[in-house]
N, C-alpha and C. Protein backbone atom coordinates (compact mmCIF):
# COMPACT_ATOMS: atom_id res chain seq x y z
N MET A 1 0.62 -1.29 -0.05
CA MET A 1 0.18 -0.09 0.12
C MET A 1 1.08 1.30 0.23
N THR A 2 0.07 2.55 0.06
CA THR A 2 0.93 3.58 -0.19
C THR A 2 1.73 3.85 1.38
N GLY A 3 3.00 4.83 0.88
CA GLY A 3 3.52 5.06 1.96
C GLY A 3 3.29 6.32 2.53
N ASP A 4 1.94 7.11 2.16
CA ASP A 4 1.44 7.94 2.73
C ASP A 4 1.01 8.24 4.22
N LYS A 5 1.86 8.89 4.82
CA LYS A 5 1.61 8.77 6.44
C LYS A 5 0.17 9.05 6.92
N GLU A 6 -0.33 10.17 6.22
CA GLU A 6 -1.57 10.63 6.97
C GLU A 6 -2.86 9.37 6.29
N THR A 7 -2.51 8.72 5.33
CA THR A 7 -3.45 7.56 4.73
C THR A 7 -3.32 6.44 5.90
N LEU A 8 -2.08 6.17 5.82
CA LEU A 8 -1.69 4.94 6.90
C LEU A 8 -2.28 5.16 8.46
N ARG A 9 -2.40 6.48 8.34
CA ARG A 9 -2.89 6.80 9.92
C ARG A 9 -4.34 6.64 10.29
N VAL A 10 -4.93 7.20 9.10
CA VAL A 10 -6.44 6.82 8.83
C VAL A 10 -6.65 5.35 9.21
N TYR A 11 -6.07 4.80 8.17
CA TYR A 11 -6.51 3.16 8.13
C TYR A 11 -6.10 2.46 9.68
N GLY A 12 -5.00 2.48 10.07
CA GLY A 12 -4.87 2.44 11.36
C GLY A 12 -5.70 2.84 12.29
N ALA A 13 -6.20 4.07 12.54
CA ALA A 13 -7.04 4.48 13.64
C ALA A 13 -8.30 3.96 12.88
N GLU A 14 -8.89 3.62 11.77
CA GLU A 14 -10.27 3.23 11.54
C GLU A 14 -10.20 1.58 11.19
N ALA A 15 -9.25 0.95 11.40
CA ALA A 15 -8.95 -0.63 11.49
C ALA A 15 -10.14 -1.32 11.57
N ASP A 16 -10.78 -1.20 12.66
CA ASP A 16 -11.93 -1.78 13.10
C ASP A 16 -13.30 -1.42 12.38
N ARG A 17 -13.59 -0.12 12.01
CA ARG A 17 -14.78 0.03 11.45
C ARG A 17 -14.74 -0.46 9.70
N TYR A 18 -13.42 -0.31 9.42
CA TYR A 18 -13.23 -0.70 8.04
C TYR A 18 -13.29 -1.91 7.79
N ALA A 19 -12.69 -2.97 8.71
CA ALA A 19 -12.89 -4.31 8.95
C ALA A 19 -14.17 -4.87 8.70
N GLU A 20 -15.22 -4.14 9.37
CA GLU A 20 -16.50 -4.44 9.72
C GLU A 20 -17.30 -3.95 8.24
N MET A 21 -16.78 -2.92 7.45
CA MET A 21 -17.49 -2.48 6.32
C MET A 21 -17.07 -3.21 5.30
N ALA A 22 -15.45 -3.64 5.36
CA ALA A 22 -15.11 -4.63 3.93
C ALA A 22 -15.36 -6.14 4.21
N ARG A 23 -16.35 -6.69 4.98
CA ARG A 23 -16.54 -7.90 5.66
C ARG A 23 -17.34 -8.25 4.25
N ASP A 24 -18.04 -7.35 3.41
CA ASP A 24 -18.97 -7.86 2.24
C ASP A 24 -17.98 -8.29 1.32
N PHE A 25 -16.87 -7.80 1.41
CA PHE A 25 -15.86 -8.23 -0.15
C PHE A 25 -15.94 -9.56 -0.18
N VAL A 26 -15.88 -10.43 0.66
CA VAL A 26 -15.88 -11.76 0.39
C VAL A 26 -17.11 -12.43 -0.60
N GLU A 27 -18.06 -11.50 -0.71
CA GLU A 27 -19.54 -11.96 -1.31
C GLU A 27 -19.24 -11.34 -2.78
N LEU A 28 -18.20 -10.51 -3.19
CA LEU A 28 -18.20 -9.96 -4.56
C LEU A 28 -18.08 -10.62 -5.63
N PRO A 29 -19.20 -10.63 -6.57
CA PRO A 29 -19.06 -11.49 -7.81
C PRO A 29 -17.75 -11.32 -8.46
N SER A 30 -17.09 -10.17 -8.44
CA SER A 30 -15.56 -9.96 -9.12
C SER A 30 -14.76 -10.70 -8.50
N LEU A 31 -14.91 -10.95 -7.19
CA LEU A 31 -13.95 -11.94 -6.24
C LEU A 31 -14.21 -13.17 -6.86
N THR A 32 -15.35 -13.82 -7.00
CA THR A 32 -15.72 -15.06 -7.28
C THR A 32 -15.23 -15.42 -8.70
N ASN A 33 -15.29 -14.39 -9.54
CA ASN A 33 -14.83 -14.66 -10.99
C ASN A 33 -13.42 -14.60 -11.07
N PHE A 34 -12.72 -13.84 -10.38
CA PHE A 34 -11.31 -13.91 -10.36
C PHE A 34 -10.63 -15.06 -9.84
N ILE A 35 -11.15 -15.77 -8.72
CA ILE A 35 -10.85 -16.98 -8.29
C ILE A 35 -11.14 -18.05 -9.27
N ALA A 36 -12.10 -18.12 -9.82
CA ALA A 36 -12.43 -19.21 -10.92
C ALA A 36 -11.64 -19.08 -12.20
N ARG A 37 -10.65 -17.98 -12.40
CA ARG A 37 -9.97 -18.02 -13.35
C ARG A 37 -8.48 -18.36 -13.14
N LEU A 38 -8.16 -18.90 -11.84
CA LEU A 38 -6.86 -19.12 -11.13
C LEU A 38 -6.89 -20.59 -11.18
N PRO A 39 -5.48 -21.20 -11.70
CA PRO A 39 -5.58 -22.48 -11.38
C PRO A 39 -5.55 -23.10 -9.97
N THR A 40 -6.05 -24.56 -9.67
CA THR A 40 -6.18 -24.97 -8.40
C THR A 40 -4.80 -24.99 -7.68
N GLY A 41 -4.62 -24.46 -6.69
CA GLY A 41 -3.92 -24.55 -5.73
C GLY A 41 -2.61 -23.12 -6.43
N GLY A 42 -3.31 -22.43 -7.11
CA GLY A 42 -2.03 -21.16 -7.75
C GLY A 42 -1.98 -20.03 -6.69
N ASP A 43 -0.89 -19.55 -7.08
CA ASP A 43 -0.23 -18.61 -6.06
C ASP A 43 -1.09 -17.21 -6.35
N VAL A 44 -1.57 -16.35 -5.38
CA VAL A 44 -1.91 -15.34 -5.32
C VAL A 44 -1.44 -14.29 -4.71
N LEU A 45 -1.39 -12.79 -4.87
CA LEU A 45 -1.28 -11.72 -4.08
C LEU A 45 -2.31 -10.96 -3.85
N ASP A 46 -2.69 -10.65 -2.69
CA ASP A 46 -3.90 -9.83 -2.15
C ASP A 46 -3.02 -8.47 -2.16
N LEU A 47 -3.11 -7.37 -2.73
CA LEU A 47 -2.04 -6.19 -2.78
C LEU A 47 -2.87 -5.27 -1.98
N GLY A 48 -2.42 -4.78 -0.82
CA GLY A 48 -3.19 -3.71 0.24
C GLY A 48 -4.56 -4.31 0.66
N CYS A 49 -4.13 -5.65 1.22
CA CYS A 49 -5.23 -6.58 1.81
C CYS A 49 -6.35 -6.03 2.55
N GLY A 50 -5.72 -5.10 3.27
CA GLY A 50 -6.53 -4.59 4.37
C GLY A 50 -6.89 -5.64 5.53
N PRO A 51 -8.08 -5.91 6.02
CA PRO A 51 -8.53 -6.75 6.90
C PRO A 51 -8.34 -8.28 6.86
N GLY A 52 -8.10 -8.59 5.35
CA GLY A 52 -7.86 -10.02 4.95
C GLY A 52 -8.92 -10.62 4.54
N TRP A 53 -10.22 -9.91 4.21
CA TRP A 53 -11.25 -10.65 4.00
C TRP A 53 -11.30 -11.47 2.61
N ALA A 54 -10.92 -10.90 1.60
CA ALA A 54 -10.75 -11.32 0.18
C ALA A 54 -9.77 -12.26 0.20
N ALA A 55 -8.24 -12.19 0.91
CA ALA A 55 -7.54 -13.27 1.00
C ALA A 55 -7.93 -14.48 1.61
N ALA A 56 -8.58 -14.06 2.64
CA ALA A 56 -9.28 -15.48 3.48
C ALA A 56 -10.29 -16.52 2.45
N ARG A 57 -11.09 -15.65 1.65
CA ARG A 57 -12.03 -16.24 0.94
C ARG A 57 -10.95 -16.86 -0.24
N MET A 58 -10.17 -16.15 -0.82
CA MET A 58 -8.91 -17.14 -1.79
C MET A 58 -8.57 -18.27 -0.98
N ALA A 59 -7.87 -18.19 0.11
CA ALA A 59 -7.33 -19.30 0.69
C ALA A 59 -8.50 -20.49 1.05
N GLU A 60 -9.39 -19.99 1.43
CA GLU A 60 -10.60 -21.01 1.57
C GLU A 60 -10.76 -21.87 0.20
N GLU A 61 -10.63 -21.25 -1.14
CA GLU A 61 -11.13 -21.94 -2.11
C GLU A 61 -9.76 -22.71 -2.74
N GLY A 62 -8.43 -22.83 -1.71
CA GLY A 62 -7.26 -23.54 -2.28
C GLY A 62 -6.45 -22.95 -2.93
N LEU A 63 -6.49 -21.59 -2.68
CA LEU A 63 -5.20 -20.59 -3.27
C LEU A 63 -4.15 -20.53 -2.37
N ARG A 64 -2.97 -20.34 -2.78
CA ARG A 64 -1.76 -20.09 -1.85
C ARG A 64 -1.62 -18.40 -1.74
N VAL A 65 -2.02 -17.76 -0.89
CA VAL A 65 -2.06 -16.40 -0.63
C VAL A 65 -1.01 -15.55 0.22
N THR A 66 -0.55 -14.82 -0.74
CA THR A 66 0.37 -13.64 0.09
C THR A 66 -0.59 -12.38 0.17
N ALA A 67 -0.74 -11.85 1.13
CA ALA A 67 -1.25 -10.67 1.70
C ALA A 67 -0.48 -9.62 2.19
N THR A 68 -0.35 -8.50 1.31
CA THR A 68 0.60 -7.07 1.85
C THR A 68 -0.49 -5.93 2.18
N ASP A 69 0.21 -5.19 2.91
CA ASP A 69 -0.64 -4.04 3.47
C ASP A 69 0.41 -3.24 4.03
N ALA A 70 0.31 -1.91 4.22
CA ALA A 70 1.44 -1.07 4.61
C ALA A 70 0.98 -0.61 6.11
N THR A 71 -0.22 -1.00 6.41
CA THR A 71 -0.72 -0.71 7.78
C THR A 71 -0.75 -1.72 8.87
N PRO A 72 0.16 -1.79 9.68
CA PRO A 72 0.03 -2.87 10.60
C PRO A 72 -1.00 -3.39 11.02
N GLU A 73 -1.76 -2.50 11.65
CA GLU A 73 -3.21 -3.10 12.19
C GLU A 73 -4.08 -3.96 11.44
N MET A 74 -3.84 -3.36 9.85
CA MET A 74 -4.55 -4.38 9.01
C MET A 74 -3.70 -5.68 8.41
N VAL A 75 -2.35 -5.74 8.64
CA VAL A 75 -1.82 -7.00 8.43
C VAL A 75 -1.99 -7.80 9.78
N ASP A 76 -2.09 -7.39 11.07
CA ASP A 76 -2.54 -8.21 12.33
C ASP A 76 -3.75 -8.89 11.87
N MET A 77 -4.84 -8.10 11.17
CA MET A 77 -6.07 -8.89 11.24
C MET A 77 -6.12 -9.85 10.07
N ALA A 78 -5.23 -9.63 9.16
CA ALA A 78 -5.15 -10.47 7.66
C ALA A 78 -4.39 -11.68 8.09
N ALA A 79 -3.59 -11.37 9.16
CA ALA A 79 -2.60 -12.64 9.47
C ALA A 79 -3.26 -13.72 10.40
N ARG A 80 -4.43 -13.07 10.97
CA ARG A 80 -5.35 -14.05 11.72
C ARG A 80 -6.18 -15.15 10.76
N HIS A 81 -6.52 -14.81 9.54
CA HIS A 81 -6.91 -15.89 8.68
C HIS A 81 -6.35 -16.97 8.45
N ARG A 82 -6.92 -18.31 8.42
CA ARG A 82 -6.14 -19.49 8.05
C ARG A 82 -5.56 -19.35 6.83
N GLY A 83 -4.73 -20.06 6.51
CA GLY A 83 -4.05 -20.12 4.74
C GLY A 83 -3.37 -18.94 4.46
N VAL A 84 -3.57 -17.58 5.04
CA VAL A 84 -3.17 -16.39 4.63
C VAL A 84 -1.85 -16.30 5.09
N SER A 85 -0.61 -15.77 4.33
CA SER A 85 0.27 -15.03 5.01
C SER A 85 0.58 -13.76 4.31
N ALA A 86 0.51 -13.15 5.66
CA ALA A 86 0.18 -11.43 5.50
C ALA A 86 1.68 -10.73 5.81
N HIS A 87 1.78 -10.06 5.26
CA HIS A 87 3.02 -9.18 5.20
C HIS A 87 3.10 -7.52 5.32
N LEU A 88 3.88 -6.89 6.00
CA LEU A 88 3.64 -5.39 6.22
C LEU A 88 4.61 -5.28 4.87
N ALA A 89 3.92 -4.43 3.78
CA ALA A 89 4.94 -3.89 2.45
C ALA A 89 3.86 -2.71 2.24
N SER A 90 4.89 -2.02 1.49
CA SER A 90 4.39 -0.65 0.38
C SER A 90 4.29 -1.32 -0.95
N PHE A 91 3.61 -0.55 -1.63
CA PHE A 91 3.74 -0.65 -3.18
C PHE A 91 5.34 -0.54 -3.84
N ASP A 92 6.08 0.05 -2.98
CA ASP A 92 7.51 0.02 -3.25
C ASP A 92 8.27 -0.97 -2.91
N ASP A 93 7.62 -1.99 -2.45
CA ASP A 93 8.17 -3.40 -2.23
C ASP A 93 8.09 -4.21 -3.01
N ILE A 94 6.78 -4.04 -4.11
CA ILE A 94 7.06 -4.86 -5.07
C ILE A 94 8.10 -5.52 -5.81
N GLU A 95 8.48 -6.69 -6.11
CA GLU A 95 9.68 -6.98 -6.97
C GLU A 95 9.45 -8.59 -7.05
N GLY A 96 10.38 -8.96 -7.98
CA GLY A 96 10.40 -10.42 -8.67
C GLY A 96 9.52 -10.62 -9.92
N GLU A 97 10.03 -11.83 -10.36
CA GLU A 97 9.07 -11.87 -11.66
C GLU A 97 8.60 -13.46 -11.60
N ASP A 98 7.53 -13.60 -12.26
CA ASP A 98 6.92 -14.72 -12.52
C ASP A 98 6.44 -15.35 -11.40
N ILE A 99 6.18 -14.83 -10.31
CA ILE A 99 5.62 -15.19 -8.90
C ILE A 99 3.99 -15.73 -8.89
N TYR A 100 3.38 -14.87 -9.40
CA TYR A 100 2.06 -15.15 -9.21
C TYR A 100 1.18 -15.46 -10.28
N ASP A 101 -0.02 -16.17 -9.97
CA ASP A 101 -0.97 -16.47 -11.18
C ASP A 101 -2.08 -15.76 -11.08
N GLY A 102 -2.02 -14.80 -9.94
CA GLY A 102 -3.10 -13.73 -10.19
C GLY A 102 -2.84 -12.66 -8.87
N ILE A 103 -3.09 -11.65 -9.22
CA ILE A 103 -2.88 -10.43 -8.05
C ILE A 103 -4.22 -9.53 -8.00
N TRP A 104 -4.53 -9.31 -7.06
CA TRP A 104 -6.07 -8.82 -6.33
C TRP A 104 -5.42 -7.83 -5.93
N ALA A 105 -5.70 -6.31 -6.50
CA ALA A 105 -5.34 -5.02 -6.20
C ALA A 105 -6.72 -4.15 -6.20
N ASN A 106 -7.57 -4.55 -5.29
CA ASN A 106 -8.99 -4.07 -5.06
C ASN A 106 -9.21 -2.87 -4.35
N PHE A 107 -9.19 -1.84 -4.97
CA PHE A 107 -9.04 -0.47 -4.31
C PHE A 107 -8.02 -0.18 -3.18
N SER A 108 -6.76 -0.45 -3.77
CA SER A 108 -5.52 -0.22 -3.09
C SER A 108 -4.76 1.03 -3.46
N LEU A 109 -4.43 0.55 -5.25
CA LEU A 109 -3.38 1.34 -6.00
C LEU A 109 -4.09 2.84 -6.03
N LEU A 110 -5.26 3.03 -5.78
CA LEU A 110 -5.88 4.38 -5.77
C LEU A 110 -5.40 5.24 -4.64
N HIS A 111 -4.31 4.72 -3.94
CA HIS A 111 -3.91 5.64 -3.05
C HIS A 111 -2.74 5.87 -3.29
N ALA A 112 -2.13 5.31 -4.48
CA ALA A 112 -0.93 5.67 -5.28
C ALA A 112 -0.47 6.80 -5.96
N PRO A 113 0.41 7.75 -5.55
CA PRO A 113 0.56 8.87 -6.21
C PRO A 113 0.51 8.77 -7.78
N ARG A 114 -0.38 9.60 -8.45
CA ARG A 114 -0.70 9.50 -10.02
C ARG A 114 0.72 8.92 -10.86
N ALA A 115 1.78 9.88 -10.28
CA ALA A 115 3.02 9.72 -11.16
C ALA A 115 3.89 8.41 -10.91
N ASP A 116 3.33 7.61 -9.41
CA ASP A 116 3.76 6.35 -9.25
C ASP A 116 3.45 5.02 -9.93
N LEU A 117 2.02 5.34 -10.64
CA LEU A 117 1.22 4.41 -10.86
C LEU A 117 1.96 3.29 -12.19
N PRO A 118 2.52 4.19 -13.33
CA PRO A 118 2.85 3.64 -14.32
C PRO A 118 4.08 2.22 -13.93
N ARG A 119 5.07 2.74 -12.77
CA ARG A 119 5.96 2.08 -12.39
C ARG A 119 5.55 0.98 -11.39
N TYR A 120 4.40 1.19 -10.38
CA TYR A 120 3.86 0.32 -9.72
C TYR A 120 3.03 -1.16 -10.83
N LEU A 121 2.27 -0.54 -11.90
CA LEU A 121 1.94 -1.44 -12.40
C LEU A 121 2.87 -2.45 -13.54
N ALA A 122 3.84 -1.83 -13.76
CA ALA A 122 4.98 -2.36 -14.56
C ALA A 122 5.78 -3.60 -13.59
N ALA A 123 5.67 -3.18 -12.28
CA ALA A 123 6.36 -4.02 -11.34
C ALA A 123 5.42 -5.11 -11.05
N LEU A 124 4.14 -5.05 -10.86
CA LEU A 124 2.95 -6.05 -10.59
C LEU A 124 2.95 -6.88 -11.99
N ALA A 125 3.09 -6.31 -13.04
CA ALA A 125 2.82 -7.33 -14.38
C ALA A 125 4.08 -8.08 -14.41
N ARG A 126 5.33 -7.57 -14.19
CA ARG A 126 6.56 -8.46 -13.94
C ARG A 126 6.19 -9.86 -12.77
N ALA A 127 5.52 -9.56 -11.96
CA ALA A 127 5.54 -10.70 -10.87
C ALA A 127 4.35 -11.18 -11.36
N LEU A 128 3.53 -11.14 -12.41
CA LEU A 128 2.76 -12.16 -12.67
C LEU A 128 3.32 -13.26 -13.78
N ARG A 129 3.09 -14.53 -13.60
CA ARG A 129 3.21 -15.39 -14.53
C ARG A 129 2.54 -15.25 -15.92
N PRO A 130 3.24 -15.87 -16.85
CA PRO A 130 2.64 -15.84 -18.41
C PRO A 130 1.24 -16.04 -18.12
N GLY A 131 0.30 -15.24 -18.59
CA GLY A 131 -1.31 -15.77 -18.73
C GLY A 131 -1.84 -15.36 -17.44
N GLY A 132 -1.02 -14.91 -16.33
CA GLY A 132 -1.69 -14.55 -14.96
C GLY A 132 -2.79 -13.54 -15.14
N TRP A 133 -3.57 -13.72 -14.06
CA TRP A 133 -4.80 -12.46 -14.21
C TRP A 133 -4.43 -11.18 -12.92
N PHE A 134 -4.78 -10.12 -13.47
CA PHE A 134 -4.67 -9.08 -12.48
C PHE A 134 -5.96 -8.27 -12.32
N HIS A 135 -6.45 -8.08 -11.17
CA HIS A 135 -7.87 -7.33 -10.98
C HIS A 135 -7.13 -5.99 -10.19
N ILE A 136 -7.53 -5.01 -10.83
CA ILE A 136 -7.82 -3.44 -10.15
C ILE A 136 -9.11 -2.85 -10.06
N GLY A 137 -9.00 -2.10 -9.06
CA GLY A 137 -10.43 -1.05 -8.78
C GLY A 137 -9.81 -0.13 -8.24
N MET A 138 -10.39 1.18 -8.92
CA MET A 138 -9.96 2.29 -8.69
C MET A 138 -11.29 3.32 -8.63
N LYS A 139 -11.21 4.33 -7.89
CA LYS A 139 -12.03 5.56 -8.04
C LYS A 139 -11.93 6.20 -9.47
N THR A 140 -13.09 6.49 -10.33
CA THR A 140 -13.24 7.29 -11.29
C THR A 140 -13.13 8.79 -10.88
N GLY A 141 -12.36 9.52 -11.67
CA GLY A 141 -12.54 10.73 -12.04
C GLY A 141 -11.16 11.47 -12.55
N LYS A 142 -10.84 12.66 -12.18
CA LYS A 142 -9.50 13.19 -12.48
C LYS A 142 -8.92 14.00 -11.24
N GLY A 143 -7.75 13.71 -11.13
CA GLY A 143 -6.81 14.72 -10.16
C GLY A 143 -6.57 13.65 -9.12
N GLU A 144 -5.91 14.24 -8.02
CA GLU A 144 -5.52 13.90 -6.86
C GLU A 144 -6.10 14.58 -5.77
N LYS A 145 -6.51 14.01 -4.70
CA LYS A 145 -7.32 14.81 -3.67
C LYS A 145 -7.46 13.96 -2.30
N ARG A 146 -7.61 14.58 -1.06
CA ARG A 146 -7.63 13.75 0.05
C ARG A 146 -9.45 13.96 0.24
N ASP A 147 -9.62 12.83 0.79
CA ASP A 147 -11.20 12.74 1.18
C ASP A 147 -11.21 13.43 2.79
N THR A 148 -12.61 13.22 3.11
CA THR A 148 -12.95 14.18 4.25
C THR A 148 -12.08 13.40 5.71
N LEU A 149 -11.59 12.20 5.71
CA LEU A 149 -10.92 11.72 6.54
C LEU A 149 -9.34 11.72 6.63
N GLY A 150 -8.91 12.33 5.26
CA GLY A 150 -7.58 12.82 5.19
C GLY A 150 -6.58 11.74 4.37
N ARG A 151 -7.39 10.81 3.77
CA ARG A 151 -6.79 9.74 2.72
C ARG A 151 -6.80 10.49 1.40
N LEU A 152 -5.32 10.11 1.02
CA LEU A 152 -5.02 10.79 -0.39
C LEU A 152 -5.60 9.49 -1.39
N TYR A 153 -6.21 10.22 -2.32
CA TYR A 153 -6.75 9.26 -3.73
C TYR A 153 -6.32 9.96 -4.68
N THR A 154 -5.97 9.05 -5.93
CA THR A 154 -5.61 9.25 -7.14
C THR A 154 -7.00 8.63 -7.93
N TYR A 155 -7.35 9.65 -8.82
CA TYR A 155 -8.57 9.31 -9.53
C TYR A 155 -8.28 9.17 -10.97
N VAL A 156 -8.99 8.35 -11.69
CA VAL A 156 -8.62 7.88 -13.16
C VAL A 156 -9.47 7.90 -13.72
N THR A 157 -9.54 8.05 -15.08
CA THR A 157 -10.55 7.85 -16.23
C THR A 157 -10.59 6.25 -16.23
N ILE A 158 -11.71 5.69 -17.21
CA ILE A 158 -11.93 4.42 -17.74
C ILE A 158 -10.67 4.43 -18.58
N GLU A 159 -10.76 5.17 -19.43
CA GLU A 159 -9.79 5.07 -20.63
C GLU A 159 -8.35 5.26 -19.95
N GLU A 160 -7.78 6.06 -19.05
CA GLU A 160 -6.80 6.22 -18.67
C GLU A 160 -6.31 4.84 -18.04
N LEU A 161 -7.06 4.33 -17.24
CA LEU A 161 -6.53 2.86 -16.54
C LEU A 161 -6.49 2.09 -17.70
N ASP A 162 -7.24 1.94 -18.65
CA ASP A 162 -6.99 1.01 -19.72
C ASP A 162 -5.58 1.06 -20.49
N ARG A 163 -5.42 2.32 -20.59
CA ARG A 163 -4.05 2.82 -21.20
C ARG A 163 -2.62 2.30 -20.44
N LEU A 164 -3.00 2.60 -18.93
CA LEU A 164 -1.90 2.25 -17.81
C LEU A 164 -1.87 0.89 -17.88
N LEU A 165 -2.97 0.16 -18.14
CA LEU A 165 -2.66 -1.43 -17.99
C LEU A 165 -1.94 -1.83 -19.04
N ARG A 166 -2.45 -1.20 -20.55
CA ARG A 166 -1.77 -1.62 -21.59
C ARG A 166 -0.24 -1.15 -21.64
N ASP A 167 -0.12 -0.29 -21.21
CA ASP A 167 1.46 0.42 -21.19
C ASP A 167 2.38 -0.64 -20.14
N ALA A 168 1.43 -1.40 -19.21
CA ALA A 168 2.33 -2.11 -18.46
C ALA A 168 2.37 -3.79 -19.08
N ALA A 169 2.12 -3.84 -20.27
CA ALA A 169 1.78 -5.03 -20.68
C ALA A 169 0.84 -6.08 -20.38
N LEU A 170 -0.10 -5.52 -19.96
CA LEU A 170 -1.47 -6.08 -19.47
C LEU A 170 -2.36 -5.94 -20.34
N THR A 171 -3.31 -7.13 -20.64
CA THR A 171 -4.32 -6.68 -21.69
C THR A 171 -5.65 -6.83 -20.73
N PRO A 172 -6.15 -5.90 -20.96
CA PRO A 172 -7.79 -5.93 -20.37
C PRO A 172 -9.11 -6.59 -20.89
N HIS A 173 -9.55 -7.28 -20.03
CA HIS A 173 -10.56 -8.42 -20.47
C HIS A 173 -12.00 -7.79 -20.36
N GLU A 174 -12.16 -7.21 -19.13
CA GLU A 174 -13.36 -7.07 -18.51
C GLU A 174 -13.62 -5.77 -17.61
N THR A 175 -14.39 -5.01 -18.04
CA THR A 175 -14.31 -3.89 -17.17
C THR A 175 -16.04 -3.72 -16.26
N GLU A 176 -16.05 -3.07 -15.19
CA GLU A 176 -17.20 -3.23 -14.45
C GLU A 176 -17.23 -1.85 -13.88
N THR A 177 -18.35 -0.97 -13.81
CA THR A 177 -18.51 0.46 -12.94
C THR A 177 -19.44 0.08 -11.99
N GLY A 178 -19.43 1.46 -11.10
CA GLY A 178 -20.62 1.24 -10.15
C GLY A 178 -20.22 2.70 -9.44
N GLU A 179 -20.90 2.68 -8.18
CA GLU A 179 -21.02 3.87 -7.02
C GLU A 179 -21.25 3.30 -6.06
N ASP A 180 -20.63 3.65 -4.88
CA ASP A 180 -20.75 3.07 -3.26
C ASP A 180 -20.23 4.15 -2.44
N PRO A 181 -20.80 3.94 -1.13
CA PRO A 181 -20.28 5.00 -0.18
C PRO A 181 -18.85 4.36 0.42
N GLY A 182 -17.80 5.08 0.51
CA GLY A 182 -16.78 4.60 1.10
C GLY A 182 -16.76 4.86 2.90
N LEU A 183 -15.32 4.80 3.30
CA LEU A 183 -15.22 4.80 4.81
C LEU A 183 -15.51 5.94 5.51
N ASP A 184 -15.46 7.26 4.59
CA ASP A 184 -16.07 8.38 4.63
C ASP A 184 -17.30 8.81 4.49
N GLY A 185 -17.93 7.56 3.95
CA GLY A 185 -19.63 7.93 3.87
C GLY A 185 -19.85 8.61 2.51
N THR A 186 -18.97 9.05 1.64
CA THR A 186 -19.11 9.87 0.78
C THR A 186 -19.39 8.61 -0.74
N VAL A 187 -20.61 8.86 -1.20
CA VAL A 187 -20.51 8.10 -2.46
C VAL A 187 -19.69 8.52 -4.01
N ALA A 188 -19.16 7.63 -4.03
CA ALA A 188 -18.33 7.93 -5.06
C ALA A 188 -18.22 6.64 -6.37
N PRO A 189 -18.15 7.17 -7.60
CA PRO A 189 -18.07 6.39 -8.41
C PRO A 189 -16.63 5.61 -8.70
N TRP A 190 -16.80 4.07 -9.40
CA TRP A 190 -15.63 3.55 -9.20
C TRP A 190 -15.55 2.55 -10.39
N VAL A 191 -14.40 2.00 -11.01
CA VAL A 191 -14.30 0.94 -11.97
C VAL A 191 -13.48 0.01 -11.76
N THR A 192 -13.67 -1.09 -12.12
CA THR A 192 -12.49 -2.32 -11.98
C THR A 192 -12.52 -3.07 -13.31
N MET A 193 -11.28 -3.49 -13.20
CA MET A 193 -10.62 -3.77 -14.63
C MET A 193 -10.09 -5.53 -14.25
N VAL A 194 -10.48 -6.13 -15.03
CA VAL A 194 -9.58 -7.40 -15.10
C VAL A 194 -8.44 -7.45 -16.39
N ALA A 195 -7.68 -7.78 -16.17
CA ALA A 195 -6.55 -7.89 -17.43
C ALA A 195 -5.57 -9.04 -17.28
N ARG A 196 -4.97 -9.44 -18.05
CA ARG A 196 -4.08 -10.83 -18.18
C ARG A 196 -2.67 -10.37 -18.92
N ALA A 197 -1.84 -11.09 -18.25
CA ALA A 197 -0.53 -10.76 -18.57
C ALA A 197 0.01 -11.68 -19.77
């Protein structure tokens, strides 16, 4: 996750409330579809895992899950789930090649500074095995700003995200849009994309 100190402070202070709100992530159709694309017993990275609900679901489905987050409180929660290997790490710690069959980056990279998105996506693409699947969720819009809680957000248009993925040698396959309230209570539009290495 991001190294922005204020964003990390907010997630640390709001860890329990965020964990309760994020519990519904295990029922996301996008997560079910993502899991179905991966080989049985495959290796998957949950990038910016938060409390680990999605990681736990993937582990329950037989995947080998590595979960990372830059907030110690979130890593502690994620590590409590059976089958989940949780580690404290930021986006800058992404390294290695041909490690994962899938990477789940569900509304985590939206906290990365815009200028850093291309290099983070390139590092994630390298970490995927050939034919591996990448899921990303971002809030849509333009620019960067902090929400009412103080978290830093980078907003993207659908076209911009598509281009960023292609520039990182990932091929977009599916796009979904919607809008939901976030931790600060503000309803915001979002996009998810599934791409392949």
